[in-house]
Amino acid sequence: MAVEHYQMTHQGVRDLNNPLRGGPKVNVGPIERAASSVGGAVLAGLGLGKGGVAGLLLAAAGAALVYRGQTGHCSLYQAAGVNTAK
């Protein structure tokens, strides 16, 4: 699952014909990625089953973990200068 980023045109909109390649760098190791994906899916499922605002927050946290596991990129790790993928 690759996340593509787009440059902006001079009108201030994304140029969908020319995606920027590369995307975020992988900074999460393979075991941690697998755990994030599985744990995120469980949290998202629990949140959807619970319902309400608390369930929505739980599902959002699960979705963030699934994203982290699938892309291998963690913004918090990037900000802290941590890289467990090495």
N, C-alpha and C. Protein backbone atom coordinates (compact mmCIF):
# COMPACT_ATOMS: atom_id res chain seq x y z
N MET A 1 0.84 -1.17 0.00
CA MET A 1 0.00 0.00 0.00
C MET A 1 0.89 1.23 0.00
N ALA A 2 1.05 1.85 -1.12
CA ALA A 2 1.90 3.02 -1.23
C ALA A 2 1.07 4.29 -1.12
N VAL A 3 1.59 5.23 -0.37
CA VAL A 3 0.94 6.52 -0.24
C VAL A 3 1.66 7.47 -1.15
N GLU A 4 0.92 8.09 -2.08
CA GLU A 4 1.55 9.00 -3.01
C GLU A 4 1.28 10.44 -2.60
N HIS A 5 2.26 11.27 -2.81
CA HIS A 5 2.14 12.69 -2.53
C HIS A 5 2.20 13.43 -3.86
N TYR A 6 1.52 14.56 -3.93
CA TYR A 6 1.43 15.30 -5.18
C TYR A 6 1.95 16.72 -4.99
N GLN A 7 2.63 17.19 -6.02
CA GLN A 7 3.07 18.58 -5.98
C GLN A 7 1.88 19.48 -6.27
N MET A 8 2.02 20.75 -5.92
CA MET A 8 0.95 21.70 -6.12
C MET A 8 1.15 22.45 -7.43
N THR A 9 0.05 22.75 -8.11
CA THR A 9 0.11 23.56 -9.32
C THR A 9 0.17 25.03 -8.92
N HIS A 10 0.38 25.91 -9.89
CA HIS A 10 0.44 27.33 -9.55
C HIS A 10 -0.93 27.87 -9.14
N GLN A 11 -2.01 27.12 -9.41
CA GLN A 11 -3.34 27.53 -8.95
C GLN A 11 -3.59 27.09 -7.50
N GLY A 12 -2.70 26.32 -6.92
CA GLY A 12 -2.83 25.90 -5.54
C GLY A 12 -3.60 24.60 -5.35
N VAL A 13 -3.71 23.79 -6.40
CA VAL A 13 -4.37 22.49 -6.27
C VAL A 13 -3.34 21.39 -6.54
N ARG A 14 -3.65 20.17 -6.09
CA ARG A 14 -2.72 19.06 -6.30
C ARG A 14 -2.68 18.67 -7.78
N ASP A 15 -1.48 18.44 -8.29
CA ASP A 15 -1.28 17.99 -9.67
C ASP A 15 -1.34 16.47 -9.68
N LEU A 16 -2.54 15.90 -9.91
CA LEU A 16 -2.75 14.46 -9.83
C LEU A 16 -2.07 13.70 -10.97
N ASN A 17 -1.64 14.39 -12.01
CA ASN A 17 -0.95 13.73 -13.12
C ASN A 17 0.52 13.46 -12.82
N ASN A 18 1.06 14.09 -11.80
CA ASN A 18 2.49 13.97 -11.50
C ASN A 18 2.73 13.71 -10.01
N PRO A 19 2.50 12.48 -9.56
CA PRO A 19 2.76 12.19 -8.15
C PRO A 19 4.26 12.22 -7.85
N LEU A 20 4.58 12.66 -6.65
CA LEU A 20 5.97 12.64 -6.19
C LEU A 20 6.26 11.24 -5.68
N ARG A 21 7.30 10.64 -6.15
CA ARG A 21 7.65 9.28 -5.74
C ARG A 21 8.47 9.31 -4.46
N GLY A 22 8.48 8.20 -3.80
CA GLY A 22 9.29 8.07 -2.61
C GLY A 22 8.45 7.96 -1.36
N GLY A 23 7.60 8.91 -1.12
CA GLY A 23 6.73 8.88 0.04
C GLY A 23 7.50 8.84 1.34
N PRO A 24 6.80 8.52 2.42
CA PRO A 24 7.48 8.48 3.72
C PRO A 24 8.46 7.32 3.81
N LYS A 25 9.54 7.52 4.52
CA LYS A 25 10.57 6.49 4.68
C LYS A 25 10.13 5.44 5.71
N VAL A 26 10.53 4.21 5.49
CA VAL A 26 10.23 3.13 6.42
C VAL A 26 11.14 3.29 7.64
N ASN A 27 10.53 3.38 8.83
CA ASN A 27 11.31 3.51 10.06
C ASN A 27 10.79 2.57 11.16
N VAL A 28 9.98 1.58 10.78
CA VAL A 28 9.44 0.60 11.73
C VAL A 28 9.87 -0.79 11.27
N GLY A 29 10.41 -1.58 12.18
CA GLY A 29 10.90 -2.92 11.87
C GLY A 29 9.78 -3.90 11.53
N PRO A 30 10.12 -5.03 10.89
CA PRO A 30 9.10 -5.97 10.40
C PRO A 30 8.24 -6.62 11.49
N ILE A 31 8.82 -6.97 12.62
CA ILE A 31 8.02 -7.58 13.69
C ILE A 31 7.06 -6.55 14.28
N GLU A 32 7.56 -5.34 14.46
CA GLU A 32 6.74 -4.25 14.98
C GLU A 32 5.63 -3.88 14.00
N ARG A 33 5.93 -3.96 12.70
CA ARG A 33 4.91 -3.68 11.69
C ARG A 33 3.79 -4.71 11.75
N ALA A 34 4.14 -5.98 11.87
CA ALA A 34 3.14 -7.04 11.95
C ALA A 34 2.28 -6.87 13.20
N ALA A 35 2.92 -6.58 14.33
CA ALA A 35 2.17 -6.38 15.57
C ALA A 35 1.25 -5.17 15.48
N SER A 36 1.71 -4.11 14.84
CA SER A 36 0.87 -2.92 14.67
C SER A 36 -0.34 -3.22 13.79
N SER A 37 -0.13 -3.96 12.72
CA SER A 37 -1.24 -4.29 11.83
C SER A 37 -2.29 -5.14 12.53
N VAL A 38 -1.85 -6.19 13.22
CA VAL A 38 -2.79 -7.08 13.90
C VAL A 38 -3.47 -6.35 15.06
N GLY A 39 -2.68 -5.69 15.88
CA GLY A 39 -3.24 -4.95 17.02
C GLY A 39 -4.19 -3.85 16.59
N GLY A 40 -3.83 -3.16 15.51
CA GLY A 40 -4.69 -2.10 14.99
C GLY A 40 -6.01 -2.64 14.47
N ALA A 41 -5.97 -3.78 13.79
CA ALA A 41 -7.20 -4.38 13.28
C ALA A 41 -8.10 -4.80 14.44
N VAL A 42 -7.52 -5.35 15.50
CA VAL A 42 -8.31 -5.75 16.67
C VAL A 42 -8.93 -4.50 17.33
N LEU A 43 -8.12 -3.44 17.52
CA LEU A 43 -8.65 -2.22 18.12
C LEU A 43 -9.76 -1.60 17.27
N ALA A 44 -9.57 -1.57 15.96
CA ALA A 44 -10.59 -1.01 15.08
C ALA A 44 -11.87 -1.82 15.17
N GLY A 45 -11.76 -3.14 15.19
CA GLY A 45 -12.94 -3.99 15.31
C GLY A 45 -13.66 -3.79 16.62
N LEU A 46 -12.90 -3.69 17.72
CA LEU A 46 -13.51 -3.44 19.03
C LEU A 46 -14.21 -2.08 19.06
N GLY A 47 -13.56 -1.10 18.47
CA GLY A 47 -14.15 0.24 18.44
C GLY A 47 -15.44 0.29 17.63
N LEU A 48 -15.45 -0.38 16.49
CA LEU A 48 -16.66 -0.40 15.68
C LEU A 48 -17.78 -1.16 16.38
N GLY A 49 -17.42 -2.21 17.10
CA GLY A 49 -18.42 -2.98 17.84
C GLY A 49 -18.98 -2.22 19.04
N LYS A 50 -18.14 -1.38 19.65
CA LYS A 50 -18.55 -0.63 20.84
C LYS A 50 -19.51 0.51 20.47
N GLY A 51 -19.21 1.22 19.40
CA GLY A 51 -20.05 2.34 18.99
C GLY A 51 -19.82 3.58 19.85
N GLY A 52 -20.51 4.63 19.54
CA GLY A 52 -20.40 5.88 20.29
C GLY A 52 -19.08 6.58 20.03
N VAL A 53 -18.86 7.63 20.80
CA VAL A 53 -17.64 8.43 20.64
C VAL A 53 -16.41 7.64 21.05
N ALA A 54 -16.51 6.90 22.15
CA ALA A 54 -15.37 6.10 22.62
C ALA A 54 -15.01 5.04 21.58
N GLY A 55 -16.00 4.42 20.98
CA GLY A 55 -15.75 3.43 19.94
C GLY A 55 -15.12 4.04 18.71
N LEU A 56 -15.55 5.24 18.36
CA LEU A 56 -14.98 5.93 17.21
C LEU A 56 -13.51 6.26 17.46
N LEU A 57 -13.19 6.71 18.67
CA LEU A 57 -11.80 7.00 19.01
C LEU A 57 -10.94 5.74 18.99
N LEU A 58 -11.51 4.65 19.49
CA LEU A 58 -10.80 3.37 19.49
C LEU A 58 -10.55 2.89 18.06
N ALA A 59 -11.56 3.03 17.20
CA ALA A 59 -11.43 2.63 15.80
C ALA A 59 -10.40 3.50 15.08
N ALA A 60 -10.37 4.79 15.40
CA ALA A 60 -9.38 5.69 14.78
C ALA A 60 -7.97 5.32 15.20
N ALA A 61 -7.79 5.00 16.48
CA ALA A 61 -6.46 4.57 16.96
C ALA A 61 -6.05 3.27 16.27
N GLY A 62 -7.00 2.36 16.11
CA GLY A 62 -6.71 1.11 15.41
C GLY A 62 -6.33 1.35 13.96
N ALA A 63 -7.04 2.26 13.30
CA ALA A 63 -6.73 2.58 11.91
C ALA A 63 -5.34 3.18 11.77
N ALA A 64 -4.95 4.02 12.74
CA ALA A 64 -3.61 4.61 12.72
C ALA A 64 -2.54 3.52 12.86
N LEU A 65 -2.80 2.53 13.72
CA LEU A 65 -1.84 1.43 13.88
C LEU A 65 -1.77 0.57 12.62
N VAL A 66 -2.91 0.34 11.97
CA VAL A 66 -2.91 -0.43 10.72
C VAL A 66 -2.11 0.32 9.66
N TYR A 67 -2.31 1.62 9.56
CA TYR A 67 -1.54 2.44 8.61
C TYR A 67 -0.04 2.32 8.90
N ARG A 68 0.33 2.42 10.16
CA ARG A 68 1.73 2.31 10.57
C ARG A 68 2.30 0.95 10.17
N GLY A 69 1.52 -0.10 10.40
CA GLY A 69 1.99 -1.43 10.06
C GLY A 69 2.11 -1.67 8.57
N GLN A 70 1.18 -1.13 7.81
CA GLN A 70 1.20 -1.36 6.36
C GLN A 70 2.24 -0.52 5.63
N THR A 71 2.44 0.71 6.08
CA THR A 71 3.41 1.57 5.40
C THR A 71 4.82 1.45 5.98
N GLY A 72 4.91 1.04 7.26
CA GLY A 72 6.22 0.96 7.90
C GLY A 72 6.74 2.32 8.33
N HIS A 73 5.86 3.33 8.35
CA HIS A 73 6.28 4.68 8.73
C HIS A 73 5.53 5.12 9.97
N CYS A 74 6.27 5.66 10.93
CA CYS A 74 5.69 6.20 12.15
C CYS A 74 6.16 7.65 12.29
N SER A 75 5.21 8.58 12.29
CA SER A 75 5.56 10.00 12.39
C SER A 75 6.18 10.34 13.74
N LEU A 76 5.74 9.67 14.80
CA LEU A 76 6.35 9.92 16.11
C LEU A 76 7.81 9.47 16.13
N TYR A 77 8.08 8.32 15.51
CA TYR A 77 9.47 7.86 15.41
C TYR A 77 10.30 8.86 14.60
N GLN A 78 9.72 9.37 13.52
CA GLN A 78 10.43 10.32 12.68
C GLN A 78 10.78 11.58 13.48
N ALA A 79 9.81 12.09 14.25
CA ALA A 79 10.05 13.29 15.04
C ALA A 79 11.11 13.06 16.12
N ALA A 80 11.15 11.84 16.67
CA ALA A 80 12.11 11.53 17.73
C ALA A 80 13.45 11.02 17.18
N GLY A 81 13.53 10.81 15.87
CA GLY A 81 14.76 10.33 15.28
C GLY A 81 15.00 8.84 15.52
N VAL A 82 13.92 8.09 15.76
CA VAL A 82 14.02 6.64 16.03
C VAL A 82 13.82 5.88 14.73
N ASN A 83 14.60 4.81 14.54
CA ASN A 83 14.44 3.95 13.37
C ASN A 83 14.70 2.50 13.80
N THR A 84 13.62 1.71 13.90
CA THR A 84 13.76 0.30 14.29
C THR A 84 13.82 -0.61 13.09
N ALA A 85 13.81 -0.04 11.88
CA ALA A 85 13.84 -0.84 10.67
C ALA A 85 15.26 -1.28 10.30
N LYS A 86 16.25 -0.72 10.94
CA LYS A 86 17.65 -1.03 10.59
C LYS A 86 18.04 -2.38 11.11
